[in-house]
Protein backbone atom coordinates (compact mmCIF):
# COMPACT_ATOMS: atom_id res chain seq x y z
CA MET A 1 -112.72 168.73 -14.20
CA LYS A 2 -109.60 166.75 -15.02
CA LYS A 3 -109.72 163.25 -16.36
CA SER A 4 -107.90 161.87 -13.28
CA GLU A 5 -110.41 163.51 -10.92
CA LEU A 6 -113.30 162.01 -12.87
CA LYS A 7 -111.72 158.55 -12.73
CA GLN A 8 -111.29 158.87 -8.96
CA ILE A 9 -114.94 159.88 -8.47
CA ILE A 10 -116.14 156.96 -10.61
CA ARG A 11 -113.88 154.54 -8.74
CA GLU A 12 -115.24 155.72 -5.36
CA GLU A 13 -118.84 155.34 -6.54
CA VAL A 14 -118.20 151.80 -7.83
CA VAL A 15 -116.63 150.76 -4.51
CA LYS A 16 -119.60 152.27 -2.64
CA ILE A 17 -122.13 150.40 -4.79
CA LEU A 18 -120.28 147.08 -4.53
CA SER A 19 -120.04 147.30 -0.75
CA GLU A 20 -123.82 147.69 -0.36
CA SER A 21 -124.74 144.04 -0.98
CA LYS A 22 -127.82 142.96 0.94
CA TYR A 23 -126.52 139.44 1.72
CA LYS A 24 -123.08 138.19 2.73
CA VAL A 25 -121.30 134.86 2.20
CA GLY A 26 -122.67 132.31 4.68
CA ASP A 27 -126.12 133.88 4.99
CA VAL A 28 -129.07 131.51 4.71
CA VAL A 29 -131.65 132.57 2.11
CA THR A 30 -134.70 131.10 0.38
CA PRO A 31 -135.00 131.41 -3.41
CA LYS A 32 -138.36 132.34 -4.94
CA ILE A 33 -137.72 130.51 -8.24
CA GLY A 34 -135.96 127.39 -9.51
CA PRO A 35 -136.10 123.66 -8.85
CA HIS A 36 -135.37 124.08 -5.13
CA LYS A 37 -137.58 127.14 -4.53
CA GLY A 38 -138.76 127.47 -0.96
CA GLN A 39 -135.85 125.44 0.45
CA LYS A 40 -133.07 127.00 2.49
CA HIS A 41 -129.83 127.80 0.67
CA THR A 42 -126.46 129.13 1.77
CA ILE A 43 -124.70 131.92 -0.12
CA ILE A 44 -121.32 130.58 -1.20
CA HIS A 45 -120.18 133.59 -3.27
CA SER A 46 -121.21 137.21 -3.61
CA TYR A 47 -120.24 139.12 -6.73
CA GLY A 48 -120.97 142.44 -5.01
CA ASN A 49 -123.45 143.60 -7.64
CA GLY A 50 -126.61 141.87 -6.43
CA LYS A 51 -125.67 138.47 -7.91
CA TYR A 52 -124.90 135.45 -5.74
CA ASN A 53 -124.05 131.76 -5.98
CA ILE A 54 -126.24 129.67 -3.71
CA LYS A 55 -126.18 126.03 -2.62
CA PRO A 56 -129.03 124.05 -1.00
CA VAL A 57 -128.67 123.25 2.70
CA GLY A 58 -129.07 119.62 3.75
CA LEU A 59 -128.99 118.04 0.28
CA LYS A 60 -126.17 115.80 -0.93
CA GLY A 61 -124.90 114.73 -4.36
CA SER A 62 -127.66 113.46 -6.64
CA GLN A 63 -130.39 115.15 -4.58
CA ILE A 64 -129.20 118.55 -5.82
CA LYS A 65 -130.92 119.35 -9.12
CA TYR A 66 -128.38 122.02 -10.13
CA LYS A 67 -125.98 120.80 -12.81
CA LEU A 68 -122.83 121.91 -10.97
CA GLY A 69 -124.22 121.66 -7.42
CA ALA A 70 -124.89 125.38 -7.03
CA ALA A 71 -126.91 128.04 -8.82
CA GLY A 72 -126.69 131.72 -9.56
CA ALA A 73 -129.35 134.02 -8.14
CA SER A 74 -130.07 137.71 -8.14
CA GLU A 75 -131.02 139.70 -5.07
CA LYS A 76 -134.63 140.10 -6.25
CA ASP A 77 -135.07 136.31 -6.41
CA LEU A 78 -134.07 135.72 -2.76
CA GLU A 79 -135.88 136.15 0.55
């Protein structure tokens, strides 16, 4: 197998894996851990590898306990 063929196969597999995210941007999820566990959150960014940025729904400014207003979460920590 040529090096270029191997690169193409790897590239196709990576694209396939990244497109299989369970949640999409805008989905409402509930985290199982963290300071706001059990509250509804919105996914604001999906990295495509099972990692997401989430933001609490219905909370404003100082009510949000996350330092930058949003938190990172993995797929296993969300419902």
